[in-house]
PDB file of N, CA and C in Angstrom:
ATOM      1  N   MET A   1      -3.733   8.959  15.907  1.00  0.00           N
ATOM      2  CA  MET A   1      -2.652   8.383  15.116  1.00  0.00           C
ATOM      3  C   MET A   1      -3.225   7.899  13.790  1.00  0.00           C
ATOM      4  N   GLN A   2      -2.481   8.138  12.747  1.00  0.00           N
ATOM      5  CA  GLN A   2      -2.845   7.668  11.412  1.00  0.00           C
ATOM      6  C   GLN A   2      -1.759   6.709  10.927  1.00  0.00           C
ATOM      7  N   ILE A   3      -2.175   5.644  10.251  1.00  0.00           N
ATOM      8  CA  ILE A   3      -1.238   4.681   9.667  1.00  0.00           C
ATOM      9  C   ILE A   3      -1.345   4.773   8.157  1.00  0.00           C
ATOM     10  N   ILE A   4      -0.198   4.923   7.515  1.00  0.00           N
ATOM     11  CA  ILE A   4      -0.128   4.882   6.057  1.00  0.00           C
ATOM     12  C   ILE A   4       0.666   3.638   5.681  1.00  0.00           C
ATOM     13  N   GLN A   5       0.087   2.803   4.836  1.00  0.00           N
ATOM     14  CA  GLN A   5       0.754   1.579   4.394  1.00  0.00           C
ATOM     15  C   GLN A   5       1.294   1.793   2.986  1.00  0.00           C
ATOM     16  N   THR A   6       2.578   1.480   2.791  1.00  0.00           N
ATOM     17  CA  THR A   6       3.155   1.576   1.452  1.00  0.00           C
ATOM     18  C   THR A   6       2.589   0.459   0.576  1.00  0.00           C
ATOM     19  N   SER A   7       2.738   0.598  -0.724  1.00  0.00           N
ATOM     20  CA  SER A   7       2.240  -0.444  -1.631  1.00  0.00           C
ATOM     21  C   SER A   7       2.976  -1.766  -1.407  1.00  0.00           C
ATOM     22  N   ASP A   8       4.275  -1.726  -1.134  1.00  0.00           N
ATOM     23  CA  ASP A   8       5.025  -2.958  -0.834  1.00  0.00           C
ATOM     24  C   ASP A   8       4.492  -3.620   0.437  1.00  0.00           C
ATOM     25  N   PHE A   9       4.179  -2.810   1.428  1.00  0.00           N
ATOM     26  CA  PHE A   9       3.628  -3.336   2.668  1.00  0.00           C
ATOM     27  C   PHE A   9       2.316  -4.074   2.391  1.00  0.00           C
ATOM     28  N   LYS A  10       1.440  -3.447   1.623  1.00  0.00           N
ATOM     29  CA  LYS A  10       0.140  -4.060   1.307  1.00  0.00           C
ATOM     30  C   LYS A  10       0.305  -5.372   0.547  1.00  0.00           C
ATOM     31  N   LYS A  11       1.254  -5.417  -0.397  1.00  0.00           N
ATOM     32  CA  LYS A  11       1.506  -6.647  -1.152  1.00  0.00           C
ATOM     33  C   LYS A  11       1.992  -7.759  -0.227  1.00  0.00           C
ATOM     34  N   ASN A  12       2.939  -7.421   0.645  1.00  0.00           N
ATOM     35  CA  ASN A  12       3.478  -8.426   1.571  1.00  0.00           C
ATOM     36  C   ASN A  12       2.424  -8.896   2.559  1.00  0.00           C
ATOM     37  N   LEU A  13       1.593  -7.995   3.032  1.00  0.00           N
ATOM     38  CA  LEU A  13       0.526  -8.362   3.958  1.00  0.00           C
ATOM     39  C   LEU A  13      -0.442  -9.340   3.299  1.00  0.00           C
ATOM     40  N   ALA A  14      -0.789  -9.096   2.053  1.00  0.00           N
ATOM     41  CA  ALA A  14      -1.725  -9.963   1.331  1.00  0.00           C
ATOM     42  C   ALA A  14      -1.169 -11.374   1.136  1.00  0.00           C
ATOM     43  N   LYS A  15       0.142 -11.511   1.104  1.00  0.00           N
ATOM     44  CA  LYS A  15       0.779 -12.819   0.903  1.00  0.00           C
ATOM     45  C   LYS A  15       0.871 -13.645   2.183  1.00  0.00           C
ATOM     46  N   LEU A  16       0.676 -13.015   3.326  1.00  0.00           N
ATOM     47  CA  LEU A  16       0.806 -13.719   4.604  1.00  0.00           C
ATOM     48  C   LEU A  16      -0.391 -14.631   4.851  1.00  0.00           C
ATOM     49  N   PRO A  17      -0.197 -15.663   5.681  1.00  0.00           N
ATOM     50  CA  PRO A  17      -1.327 -16.536   6.043  1.00  0.00           C
ATOM     51  C   PRO A  17      -2.453 -15.719   6.692  1.00  0.00           C
ATOM     52  N   GLU A  18      -3.670 -16.176   6.490  1.00  0.00           N
ATOM     53  CA  GLU A  18      -4.847 -15.460   6.999  1.00  0.00           C
ATOM     54  C   GLU A  18      -4.781 -15.226   8.507  1.00  0.00           C
ATOM     55  N   GLU A  19      -4.298 -16.207   9.246  1.00  0.00           N
ATOM     56  CA  GLU A  19      -4.187 -16.080  10.700  1.00  0.00           C
ATOM     57  C   GLU A  19      -3.254 -14.923  11.080  1.00  0.00           C
ATOM     58  N   ILE A  20      -2.153 -14.793  10.385  1.00  0.00           N
ATOM     59  CA  ILE A  20      -1.206 -13.703  10.655  1.00  0.00           C
ATOM     60  C   ILE A  20      -1.833 -12.363  10.287  1.00  0.00           C
ATOM     61  N   GLN A  21      -2.613 -12.318   9.221  1.00  0.00           N
ATOM     62  CA  GLN A  21      -3.295 -11.080   8.842  1.00  0.00           C
ATOM     63  C   GLN A  21      -4.276 -10.639   9.929  1.00  0.00           C
ATOM     64  N   LYS A  22      -4.988 -11.589  10.522  1.00  0.00           N
ATOM     65  CA  LYS A  22      -5.915 -11.268  11.607  1.00  0.00           C
ATOM     66  C   LYS A  22      -5.164 -10.746  12.830  1.00  0.00           C
ATOM     67  N   LEU A  23      -4.057 -11.390  13.157  1.00  0.00           N
ATOM     68  CA  LEU A  23      -3.252 -10.945  14.295  1.00  0.00           C
ATOM     69  C   LEU A  23      -2.637  -9.573  14.026  1.00  0.00           C
ATOM     70  N   TYR A  24      -2.255  -9.326  12.770  1.00  0.00           N
ATOM     71  CA  TYR A  24      -1.746  -8.001  12.400  1.00  0.00           C
ATOM     72  C   TYR A  24      -2.797  -6.938  12.705  1.00  0.00           C
ATOM     73  N   GLN A  25      -4.051  -7.192  12.350  1.00  0.00           N
ATOM     74  CA  GLN A  25      -5.097  -6.194  12.563  1.00  0.00           C
ATOM     75  C   GLN A  25      -5.279  -5.875  14.044  1.00  0.00           C
ATOM     76  N   ILE A  26      -5.170  -6.900  14.892  1.00  0.00           N
ATOM     77  CA  ILE A  26      -5.262  -6.686  16.339  1.00  0.00           C
ATOM     78  C   ILE A  26      -4.129  -5.777  16.802  1.00  0.00           C
ATOM     79  N   GLN A  27      -2.913  -6.082  16.357  1.00  0.00           N
ATOM     80  CA  GLN A  27      -1.760  -5.280  16.762  1.00  0.00           C
ATOM     81  C   GLN A  27      -1.828  -3.867  16.177  1.00  0.00           C
ATOM     82  N   ALA A  28      -2.299  -3.730  14.949  1.00  0.00           N
ATOM     83  CA  ALA A  28      -2.435  -2.402  14.341  1.00  0.00           C
ATOM     84  C   ALA A  28      -3.428  -1.552  15.131  1.00  0.00           C
ATOM     85  N   ASP A  29      -4.516  -2.164  15.595  1.00  0.00           N
ATOM     86  CA  ASP A  29      -5.491  -1.440  16.420  1.00  0.00           C
ATOM     87  C   ASP A  29      -4.858  -0.990  17.730  1.00  0.00           C
ATOM     88  N   ARG A  30      -4.033  -1.843  18.322  1.00  0.00           N
ATOM     89  CA  ARG A  30      -3.316  -1.451  19.548  1.00  0.00           C
ATOM     90  C   ARG A  30      -2.373  -0.292  19.265  1.00  0.00           C
ATOM     91  N   PHE A  31      -1.704  -0.365  18.110  1.00  0.00           N
ATOM     92  CA  PHE A  31      -0.780   0.702  17.724  1.00  0.00           C
ATOM     93  C   PHE A  31      -1.527   2.021  17.575  1.00  0.00           C
ATOM     94  N   LEU A  32      -2.701   1.987  16.967  1.00  0.00           N
ATOM     95  CA  LEU A  32      -3.502   3.204  16.801  1.00  0.00           C
ATOM     96  C   LEU A  32      -3.899   3.803  18.148  1.00  0.00           C
ATOM     97  N   ALA A  33      -4.216   2.955  19.096  1.00  0.00           N
ATOM     98  CA  ALA A  33      -4.616   3.420  20.420  1.00  0.00           C
ATOM     99  C   ALA A  33      -3.433   3.995  21.194  1.00  0.00           C
ATOM    100  N   HIS A  34      -2.290   3.332  21.105  1.00  0.00           N
ATOM    101  CA  HIS A  34      -1.087   3.783  21.819  1.00  0.00           C
ATOM    102  C   HIS A  34       0.117   3.149  21.143  1.00  0.00           C
ATOM    103  N   SER A  35       0.903   3.950  20.449  1.00  0.00           N
ATOM    104  CA  SER A  35       1.992   3.415  19.620  1.00  0.00           C
ATOM    105  C   SER A  35       3.098   2.713  20.405  1.00  0.00           C
ATOM    106  N   TYR A  36       3.154   2.922  21.704  1.00  0.00           N
ATOM    107  CA  TYR A  36       4.171   2.226  22.494  1.00  0.00           C
ATOM    108  C   TYR A  36       3.544   1.282  23.522  1.00  0.00           C
ATOM    109  N   ASP A  37       2.398   0.700  23.174  1.00  0.00           N
ATOM    110  CA  ASP A  37       1.758  -0.296  24.017  1.00  0.00           C
ATOM    111  C   ASP A  37       2.767  -1.419  24.259  1.00  0.00           C
ATOM    112  N   PRO A  38       2.982  -1.814  25.500  1.00  0.00           N
ATOM    113  CA  PRO A  38       3.990  -2.849  25.787  1.00  0.00           C
ATOM    114  C   PRO A  38       3.731  -4.188  25.094  1.00  0.00           C
ATOM    115  N   ARG A  39       2.485  -4.472  24.740  1.00  0.00           N
ATOM    116  CA  ARG A  39       2.162  -5.725  24.051  1.00  0.00           C
ATOM    117  C   ARG A  39       2.682  -5.745  22.614  1.00  0.00           C
ATOM    118  N   LEU A  40       3.070  -4.577  22.101  1.00  0.00           N
ATOM    119  CA  LEU A  40       3.611  -4.501  20.743  1.00  0.00           C
ATOM    120  C   LEU A  40       5.102  -4.838  20.686  1.00  0.00           C
ATOM    121  N   HIS A  41       5.792  -4.663  21.798  1.00  0.00           N
ATOM    122  CA  HIS A  41       7.243  -4.882  21.846  1.00  0.00           C
ATOM    123  C   HIS A  41       7.945  -4.010  20.797  1.00  0.00           C
ATOM    124  N   VAL A  42       7.667  -2.717  20.813  1.00  0.00           N
ATOM    125  CA  VAL A  42       8.276  -1.781  19.856  1.00  0.00           C
ATOM    126  C   VAL A  42       9.761  -1.663  20.153  1.00  0.00           C
ATOM    127  N   LYS A  43      10.556  -1.762  19.076  1.00  0.00           N
ATOM    128  CA  LYS A  43      12.011  -1.628  19.218  1.00  0.00           C
ATOM    129  C   LYS A  43      12.565  -0.796  18.077  1.00  0.00           C
ATOM    130  N   LYS A  44      13.632  -0.104  18.343  1.00  0.00           N
ATOM    131  CA  LYS A  44      14.369   0.639  17.327  1.00  0.00           C
ATOM    132  C   LYS A  44      15.123  -0.363  16.465  1.00  0.00           C
ATOM    133  N   VAL A  45      15.145  -0.141  15.160  1.00  0.00           N
ATOM    134  CA  VAL A  45      15.884  -1.014  14.243  1.00  0.00           C
ATOM    135  C   VAL A  45      17.298  -0.454  14.131  1.00  0.00           C
ATOM    136  N   ARG A  46      18.266  -1.264  14.482  1.00  0.00           N
ATOM    137  CA  ARG A  46      19.657  -0.801  14.525  1.00  0.00           C
ATOM    138  C   ARG A  46      20.181  -0.285  13.189  1.00  0.00           C
ATOM    139  N   ASP A  47      19.903  -0.993  12.116  1.00  0.00           N
ATOM    140  CA  ASP A  47      20.502  -0.660  10.825  1.00  0.00           C
ATOM    141  C   ASP A  47      19.811   0.492  10.103  1.00  0.00           C
ATOM    142  N   LEU A  48      18.646   0.876  10.554  1.00  0.00           N
ATOM    143  CA  LEU A  48      17.914   1.984   9.939  1.00  0.00           C
ATOM    144  C   LEU A  48      17.709   3.077  10.985  1.00  0.00           C
ATOM    145  N   LYS A  49      18.229   4.232  10.702  1.00  0.00           N
ATOM    146  CA  LYS A  49      18.286   5.317  11.679  1.00  0.00           C
ATOM    147  C   LYS A  49      16.941   5.686  12.301  1.00  0.00           C
ATOM    148  N   LEU A  50      15.903   5.817  11.499  1.00  0.00           N
ATOM    149  CA  LEU A  50      14.618   6.299  11.998  1.00  0.00           C
ATOM    150  C   LEU A  50      13.541   5.223  12.091  1.00  0.00           C
ATOM    151  N   ALA A  51      13.890   3.975  11.827  1.00  0.00           N
ATOM    152  CA  ALA A  51      12.893   2.906  11.759  1.00  0.00           C
ATOM    153  C   ALA A  51      12.709   2.197  13.101  1.00  0.00           C
ATOM    154  N   PHE A  52      11.487   1.693  13.270  1.00  0.00           N
ATOM    155  CA  PHE A  52      11.114   0.904  14.431  1.00  0.00           C
ATOM    156  C   PHE A  52      10.428  -0.362  13.936  1.00  0.00           C
ATOM    157  N   SER A  53      10.276  -1.323  14.841  1.00  0.00           N
ATOM    158  CA  SER A  53       9.497  -2.527  14.504  1.00  0.00           C
ATOM    159  C   SER A  53       8.620  -2.875  15.691  1.00  0.00           C
ATOM    160  N   PHE A  54       7.544  -3.600  15.401  1.00  0.00           N
ATOM    161  CA  PHE A  54       6.756  -4.190  16.472  1.00  0.00           C
ATOM    162  C   PHE A  54       6.345  -5.597  16.068  1.00  0.00           C
ATOM    163  N   ARG A  55       6.032  -6.407  17.084  1.00  0.00           N
ATOM    164  CA  ARG A  55       5.699  -7.809  16.881  1.00  0.00           C
ATOM    165  C   ARG A  55       4.242  -7.996  16.483  1.00  0.00           C
ATOM    166  N   ILE A  56       4.049  -8.923  15.574  1.00  0.00           N
ATOM    167  CA  ILE A  56       2.712  -9.457  15.335  1.00  0.00           C
ATOM    168  C   ILE A  56       2.618 -10.762  16.126  1.00  0.00           C
ATOM    169  N   THR A  57       3.626 -11.598  15.931  1.00  0.00           N
ATOM    170  CA  THR A  57       3.823 -12.812  16.727  1.00  0.00           C
ATOM    171  C   THR A  57       5.313 -12.845  17.043  1.00  0.00           C
ATOM    172  N   ARG A  58       5.775 -13.892  17.646  1.00  0.00           N
ATOM    173  CA  ARG A  58       7.216 -14.003  17.892  1.00  0.00           C
ATOM    174  C   ARG A  58       8.001 -14.036  16.584  1.00  0.00           C
ATOM    175  N   ARG A  59       7.365 -14.453  15.507  1.00  0.00           N
ATOM    176  CA  ARG A  59       8.074 -14.617  14.239  1.00  0.00           C
ATOM    177  C   ARG A  59       7.831 -13.521  13.216  1.00  0.00           C
ATOM    178  N   TYR A  60       6.749 -12.803  13.315  1.00  0.00           N
ATOM    179  CA  TYR A  60       6.420 -11.785  12.307  1.00  0.00           C
ATOM    180  C   TYR A  60       6.542 -10.382  12.881  1.00  0.00           C
ATOM    181  N   ARG A  61       7.049  -9.469  12.039  1.00  0.00           N
ATOM    182  CA  ARG A  61       7.290  -8.088  12.454  1.00  0.00           C
ATOM    183  C   ARG A  61       6.719  -7.097  11.448  1.00  0.00           C
ATOM    184  N   VAL A  62       6.343  -5.942  11.958  1.00  0.00           N
ATOM    185  CA  VAL A  62       5.977  -4.780  11.143  1.00  0.00           C
ATOM    186  C   VAL A  62       7.072  -3.744  11.340  1.00  0.00           C
ATOM    187  N   PHE A  63       7.554  -3.184  10.240  1.00  0.00           N
ATOM    188  CA  PHE A  63       8.573  -2.139  10.292  1.00  0.00           C
ATOM    189  C   PHE A  63       7.930  -0.826   9.878  1.00  0.00           C
ATOM    190  N   PHE A  64       8.262   0.229  10.611  1.00  0.00           N
ATOM    191  CA  PHE A  64       7.624   1.517  10.370  1.00  0.00           C
ATOM    192  C   PHE A  64       8.540   2.654  10.796  1.00  0.00           C
ATOM    193  N   TYR A  65       8.160   3.851  10.394  1.00  0.00           N
ATOM    194  CA  TYR A  65       8.788   5.065  10.908  1.00  0.00           C
ATOM    195  C   TYR A  65       7.713   6.120  11.077  1.00  0.00           C
ATOM    196  N   PHE A  66       8.007   7.105  11.908  1.00  0.00           N
ATOM    197  CA  PHE A  66       7.064   8.191  12.137  1.00  0.00           C
ATOM    198  C   PHE A  66       7.334   9.309  11.143  1.00  0.00           C
ATOM    199  N   GLN A  67       6.326   9.640  10.354  1.00  0.00           N
ATOM    200  CA  GLN A  67       6.440  10.765   9.424  1.00  0.00           C
ATOM    201  C   GLN A  67       6.337  12.067  10.213  1.00  0.00           C
ATOM    202  N   ASN A  68       5.480  12.072  11.199  1.00  0.00           N
ATOM    203  CA  ASN A  68       5.329  13.176  12.145  1.00  0.00           C
ATOM    204  C   ASN A  68       4.722  12.562  13.406  1.00  0.00           C
ATOM    205  N   PRO A  69       4.513  13.334  14.466  1.00  0.00           N
ATOM    206  CA  PRO A  69       4.009  12.728  15.711  1.00  0.00           C
ATOM    207  C   PRO A  69       2.650  12.025  15.587  1.00  0.00           C
ATOM    208  N   ASP A  70       1.879  12.340  14.558  1.00  0.00           N
ATOM    209  CA  ASP A  70       0.549  11.758  14.412  1.00  0.00           C
ATOM    210  C   ASP A  70       0.424  10.776  13.254  1.00  0.00           C
ATOM    211  N   THR A  71       1.517  10.499  12.534  1.00  0.00           N
ATOM    212  CA  THR A  71       1.453   9.636  11.350  1.00  0.00           C
ATOM    213  C   THR A  71       2.612   8.647  11.341  1.00  0.00           C
ATOM    214  N   ALA A  72       2.263   7.373  11.156  1.00  0.00           N
ATOM    215  CA  ALA A  72       3.276   6.318  11.036  1.00  0.00           C
ATOM    216  C   ALA A  72       3.179   5.713   9.639  1.00  0.00           C
ATOM    217  N   ILE A  73       4.331   5.469   9.034  1.00  0.00           N
ATOM    218  CA  ILE A  73       4.417   4.831   7.727  1.00  0.00           C
ATOM    219  C   ILE A  73       4.834   3.382   7.944  1.00  0.00           C
ATOM    220  N   PHE A  74       3.953   2.436   7.609  1.00  0.00           N
ATOM    221  CA  PHE A  74       4.275   1.018   7.679  1.00  0.00           C
ATOM    222  C   PHE A  74       4.864   0.647   6.323  1.00  0.00           C
ATOM    223  N   PHE A  75       6.146   0.228   6.310  1.00  0.00           N
ATOM    224  CA  PHE A  75       6.805  -0.027   5.035  1.00  0.00           C
ATOM    225  C   PHE A  75       7.194  -1.483   4.798  1.00  0.00           C
ATOM    226  N   MET A  76       7.181  -2.315   5.845  1.00  0.00           N
ATOM    227  CA  MET A  76       7.518  -3.730   5.630  1.00  0.00           C
ATOM    228  C   MET A  76       6.837  -4.581   6.688  1.00  0.00           C
ATOM    229  N   ILE A  77       6.380  -5.739   6.257  1.00  0.00           N
ATOM    230  CA  ILE A  77       5.842  -6.756   7.150  1.00  0.00           C
ATOM    231  C   ILE A  77       6.352  -8.087   6.616  1.00  0.00           C
ATOM    232  N   ASP A  78       6.961  -8.875   7.509  1.00  0.00           N
ATOM    233  CA  ASP A  78       7.564 -10.118   7.037  1.00  0.00           C
ATOM    234  C   ASP A  78       7.933 -10.997   8.223  1.00  0.00           C
ATOM    235  N   HIS A  79       8.335 -12.216   7.896  1.00  0.00           N
ATOM    236  CA  HIS A  79       8.881 -13.129   8.890  1.00  0.00           C
ATOM    237  C   HIS A  79      10.185 -12.523   9.398  1.00  0.00           C
ATOM    238  N   ARG A  80      10.416 -12.652  10.669  1.00  0.00           N
ATOM    239  CA  ARG A  80      11.582 -12.043  11.310  1.00  0.00           C
ATOM    240  C   ARG A  80      12.892 -12.394  10.614  1.00  0.00           C
ATOM    241  N   LYS A  81      13.085 -13.668  10.295  1.00  0.00           N
ATOM    242  CA  LYS A  81      14.359 -14.091   9.690  1.00  0.00           C
ATOM    243  C   LYS A  81      14.571 -13.463   8.310  1.00  0.00           C
ATOM    244  N   ASP A  82      13.493 -13.252   7.578  1.00  0.00           N
ATOM    245  CA  ASP A  82      13.605 -12.650   6.249  1.00  0.00           C
ATOM    246  C   ASP A  82      13.671 -11.123   6.311  1.00  0.00           C
ATOM    247  N   ALA A  83      12.920 -10.549   7.217  1.00  0.00           N
ATOM    248  CA  ALA A  83      12.829  -9.086   7.282  1.00  0.00           C
ATOM    249  C   ALA A  83      14.171  -8.444   7.597  1.00  0.00           C
ATOM    250  N   TYR A  84      14.886  -8.968   8.556  1.00  0.00           N
ATOM    251  CA  TYR A  84      16.164  -8.359   8.924  1.00  0.00           C
ATOM    252  C   TYR A  84      17.220  -8.548   7.842  1.00  0.00           C
ATOM    253  N   ARG A  85      17.077  -9.572   7.017  1.00  0.00           N
ATOM    254  CA  ARG A  85      17.999  -9.759   5.905  1.00  0.00           C
ATOM    255  C   ARG A  85      17.744  -8.731   4.804  1.00  0.00           C
ATOM    256  N   ASN A  86      16.482  -8.347   4.614  1.00  0.00           N
ATOM    257  CA  ASN A  86      16.097  -7.456   3.526  1.00  0.00           C
ATOM    258  C   ASN A  86      16.262  -5.972   3.841  1.00  0.00           C
ATOM    259  N   ILE A  87      16.624  -5.683   5.069  1.00  0.00           N
ATOM    260  CA  ILE A  87      16.781  -4.260   5.441  1.00  0.00           C
ATOM    261  C   ILE A  87      18.113  -3.745   4.970  1.00  0.00           C
TER     262      ILE A  87
END
């Protein structure tokens, strides 16, 4: 599996607290190993046809879609309350 991060994703990730960035890396590694690892809590995003999300913590989410079976595009990372408003 390959992960491609959009420029907006990278900017938002850099703005997050350091602790959340560390937890993101743990979850991203799990995603690379198995994209539907139950610890990720992957869910389909209702308002976006092809988008999915997974948890970093109970409050932070990563939003992504599959470009192909071997590539995921990470396009948003944010606090849950803000992320769903911005979709």
